[in-house]
Protein backbone atom coordinates (compact mmCIF):
# COMPACT_ATOMS: atom_id res chain seq x y z
CA MET A 1 92.46 25.27 -180.94
CA HIS A 2 95.47 23.29 -182.56
CA HIS A 3 98.33 21.82 -180.66
CA ALA A 4 101.33 23.01 -181.65
CA THR A 5 102.36 19.70 -183.02
CA ALA A 6 99.29 19.25 -184.79
CA ILE A 7 99.26 19.54 -188.73
CA VAL A 8 96.05 20.68 -190.10
CA GLU A 9 96.14 21.14 -193.89
CA THR A 10 92.14 21.55 -194.69
CA ASP A 11 90.47 25.03 -194.80
CA THR A 12 87.19 23.16 -194.13
CA ILE A 13 87.18 22.77 -190.37
CA GLY A 14 84.83 24.04 -187.65
CA PRO A 15 85.71 27.19 -185.45
CA GLU A 16 85.43 24.89 -182.35
CA THR A 17 87.39 22.12 -183.35
CA ASN A 18 90.18 20.90 -181.21
CA VAL A 19 93.23 19.00 -182.77
CA TRP A 20 95.64 17.51 -180.29
CA ALA A 21 99.28 16.78 -180.44
CA TYR A 22 100.52 14.98 -183.29
CA ALA A 23 97.21 14.66 -185.01
CA HIS A 24 97.25 15.46 -188.77
CA VAL A 25 94.24 16.48 -190.90
CA MET A 26 95.00 16.41 -194.48
CA PRO A 27 93.93 18.60 -197.49
CA GLY A 28 90.59 17.76 -198.58
CA ALA A 29 89.00 16.64 -195.38
CA ILE A 30 86.07 17.93 -194.12
CA VAL A 31 86.02 18.46 -190.29
CA GLY A 32 82.58 19.73 -188.70
CA ASN A 33 82.13 22.08 -185.45
CA ARG A 34 83.01 20.95 -181.86
CA VAL A 35 85.03 17.89 -183.01
CA ASN A 36 87.66 16.76 -180.74
CA ILE A 37 90.60 15.13 -182.60
CA GLY A 38 92.90 13.28 -180.07
CA ASP A 39 96.61 12.81 -180.09
CA HIS A 40 98.00 10.82 -183.16
CA ALA A 41 94.75 10.70 -185.03
CA PHE A 42 94.66 10.89 -188.80
CA VAL A 43 92.04 12.17 -191.20
CA GLU A 44 92.88 11.73 -194.92
CA GLY A 45 91.70 13.87 -197.73
CA GLY A 46 88.28 12.89 -198.60
CA ALA A 47 87.18 12.04 -195.31
CA VAL A 48 83.82 13.74 -193.96
CA ILE A 49 83.39 14.22 -190.31
CA GLY A 50 80.29 15.85 -188.69
CA ASP A 51 79.65 18.27 -185.89
CA ASN A 52 80.06 17.12 -182.18
CA VAL A 53 82.31 13.92 -182.98
CA THR A 54 84.84 12.66 -180.66
CA LEU A 55 87.87 10.86 -182.02
CA LYS A 56 89.83 9.45 -179.57
CA ASN A 57 93.58 8.82 -180.08
CA SER A 58 95.43 7.06 -182.75
CA VAL A 59 92.22 6.70 -184.90
CA CYS A 60 92.47 6.88 -188.91
CA VAL A 61 89.86 8.23 -190.94
CA TRP A 62 90.74 7.15 -194.50
CA GLU A 63 89.14 8.73 -197.71
CA GLY A 64 85.47 7.33 -198.14
CA ILE A 65 84.74 7.47 -194.58
CA THR A 66 81.54 9.63 -193.59
CA ILE A 67 80.90 10.22 -189.86
CA GLU A 68 77.89 11.96 -189.14
CA ASP A 69 77.31 14.34 -186.20
CA ASP A 70 77.08 13.16 -182.43
CA CYS A 71 79.61 9.90 -183.23
CA PHE A 72 81.90 8.78 -180.58
CA ILE A 73 85.10 7.03 -182.19
CA GLY A 74 86.97 5.00 -179.38
CA PRO A 75 90.77 4.85 -179.13
CA ALA A 76 92.68 2.84 -182.08
CA VAL A 77 89.64 2.38 -184.01
CA THR A 78 90.64 0.98 -187.38
CA PHE A 79 88.46 2.01 -190.37
CA THR A 80 89.27 0.38 -194.10
CA ASN A 81 87.93 1.58 -197.18
CA ASP A 82 89.32 -1.35 -199.89
CA ARG A 83 87.82 -4.77 -200.01
CA ASN A 84 90.52 -6.24 -202.08
CA PRO A 85 93.84 -4.23 -201.02
CA ARG A 86 97.17 -4.43 -202.77
CA SER A 87 100.02 -1.95 -203.22
CA PRO A 88 99.22 0.31 -205.97
CA ARG A 89 102.79 0.40 -206.70
CA MET A 90 102.81 -3.21 -207.47
CA ASP A 91 102.58 -3.81 -211.04
CA ALA A 92 99.93 -6.51 -210.95
CA ALA A 93 97.48 -4.03 -209.10
CA ALA A 94 98.48 -0.57 -210.75
CA GLN A 95 95.60 -0.46 -213.12
CA ARG A 96 92.92 -0.81 -210.46
CA TYR A 97 94.09 1.81 -208.25
CA ALA A 98 94.19 4.22 -211.56
CA GLU A 99 90.72 5.18 -210.80
CA ARG A 100 89.13 5.40 -207.18
CA ASP A 101 85.97 3.77 -208.42
CA ASN A 102 87.64 0.63 -209.11
CA TRP A 103 88.67 0.35 -205.28
CA LEU A 104 87.14 2.82 -203.05
CA ALA A 105 84.33 1.19 -200.80
CA LYS A 106 82.86 4.05 -198.73
CA THR A 107 81.56 3.74 -195.05
CA VAL A 108 79.04 5.82 -193.28
CA VAL A 109 78.85 6.14 -189.63
CA ARG A 110 75.35 7.42 -188.68
CA ARG A 111 74.31 9.99 -186.50
CA GLY A 112 74.89 9.23 -182.89
CA CYS A 113 76.90 5.84 -183.28
CA SER A 114 79.41 4.86 -180.94
CA ILE A 115 82.49 2.81 -181.74
CA GLY A 116 84.32 1.05 -178.90
CA ALA A 117 88.23 0.89 -178.64
CA ALA A 118 90.46 -1.22 -181.13
CA SER A 119 87.35 -2.11 -183.13
CA THR A 120 87.94 -2.65 -186.77
CA ILE A 121 85.50 -1.72 -189.53
CA CYS A 122 85.43 -3.50 -192.39
CA PRO A 123 84.97 -1.50 -195.83
CA GLY A 124 81.61 -0.39 -197.62
CA LEU A 125 79.49 -0.52 -194.55
CA ASP A 126 76.53 1.46 -193.02
CA LEU A 127 76.58 1.70 -188.91
CA GLY A 128 73.11 2.64 -188.14
CA THR A 129 72.04 5.58 -186.27
CA PHE A 130 72.71 5.34 -182.48
CA SER A 131 74.11 1.84 -182.95
CA MET A 132 76.85 0.90 -180.65
CA ILE A 133 79.87 -1.48 -181.36
CA ALA A 134 81.46 -3.09 -178.48
CA ALA A 135 85.26 -2.74 -177.95
CA GLY A 136 87.55 -5.08 -179.86
CA SER A 137 84.86 -5.98 -182.18
CA VAL A 138 85.51 -6.79 -186.02
CA VAL A 139 82.43 -5.35 -188.15
CA THR A 140 82.14 -7.19 -191.03
CA ARG A 141 78.30 -6.20 -192.20
CA ASP A 142 75.92 -3.31 -191.83
CA VAL A 143 74.89 -2.59 -188.37
CA PRO A 144 71.25 -1.30 -187.83
CA ALA A 145 69.96 1.55 -185.95
CA PHE A 146 70.15 1.28 -182.18
CA ALA A 147 71.89 -2.19 -182.40
CA LEU A 148 74.65 -3.17 -179.82
CA VAL A 149 76.88 -5.60 -181.65
CA MET A 150 80.12 -7.29 -180.42
CA GLY A 151 82.43 -10.09 -181.28
CA SER A 152 84.57 -11.17 -184.18
CA PRO A 153 82.79 -11.00 -186.53
CA ALA A 154 80.53 -8.69 -184.65
CA ARG A 155 76.73 -10.09 -183.91
CA ARG A 156 73.77 -8.12 -182.49
CA VAL A 157 73.38 -8.91 -178.99
CA ALA A 158 70.82 -6.27 -177.85
CA ASP A 159 69.37 -2.79 -178.68
CA VAL A 160 70.42 0.47 -176.81
CA CYS A 161 68.63 3.89 -176.08
CA SER A 162 69.88 7.12 -177.67
CA CYS A 163 71.51 7.48 -174.20
CA GLY A 164 73.57 4.62 -174.93
CA GLN A 165 72.09 2.24 -172.07
CA ARG A 166 71.06 -1.19 -173.04
CA LEU A 167 67.38 -1.81 -173.48
CA PRO A 168 65.47 -4.86 -172.37
CA GLY A 169 64.02 -5.54 -175.81
CA LYS A 170 63.75 -3.77 -179.27
CA PHE A 171 64.27 0.03 -179.52
CA ASP A 172 60.97 0.44 -181.10
CA ASP A 173 59.32 -1.50 -178.38
CA CYS A 174 60.90 -0.33 -175.11
CA ASP A 175 61.29 2.68 -173.21
CA CYS A 176 64.49 3.72 -171.48
CA GLU A 177 64.77 3.35 -167.94
CA THR A 178 67.71 5.52 -167.49
CA CYS A 179 66.73 8.56 -169.59
CA GLY A 180 62.78 8.19 -169.97
CA GLU A 181 62.97 8.02 -173.76
CA THR A 182 60.09 6.20 -175.08
CA ALA A 183 60.11 3.82 -178.05
CA THR A 184 57.44 6.28 -179.83
CA GLN A 185 59.89 8.98 -179.46
CA ARG A 186 62.79 6.83 -181.28
CA VAL A 187 60.31 5.67 -183.99
CA GLN A 188 59.03 9.28 -184.52
CA ARG A 189 62.31 10.30 -185.15
CA GLY A 190 62.44 8.57 -188.33
CA PHE A 191 65.64 6.66 -187.52
CA LYS A 192 66.35 3.88 -189.82
């Protein structure tokens, strides 16, 4: 379902995906099935979004960003894709921007990751499987699987279960009292 005010210019979008009011999905974007793209969101060509992803309102997903299946991206999350940004229209920077490989820093948001509202994700990072970024965090380095990070810059403060609940210890050494998932089950799935 696409809202009447949404602009969907890609042909690669899942049939059960919803695109809400004033959202824009550009040509060349790849969007999976059962994705929910909130009001005023923007997905640039070259971005890849897996299945069962929630993009809340005002999220911008730029070229070079890959969001794997089952992720939650909170309202107004800011992704970036250039470590040394300048206007490509500026004479001193024009040559650098002539080739994507000269500037594009790719980010991967691994399966099941959740990113809280108004977080900023610096370019070229890997956000681990089922990791959780607290609202308002500024993420400047890779986040391990199942890690809970928060702050500016974001620091690991705990581990979380696949269900999202905070664990009393390390993800590969603690069972979850909320959902019953064991540490062994997490490790057997081969999460990195």
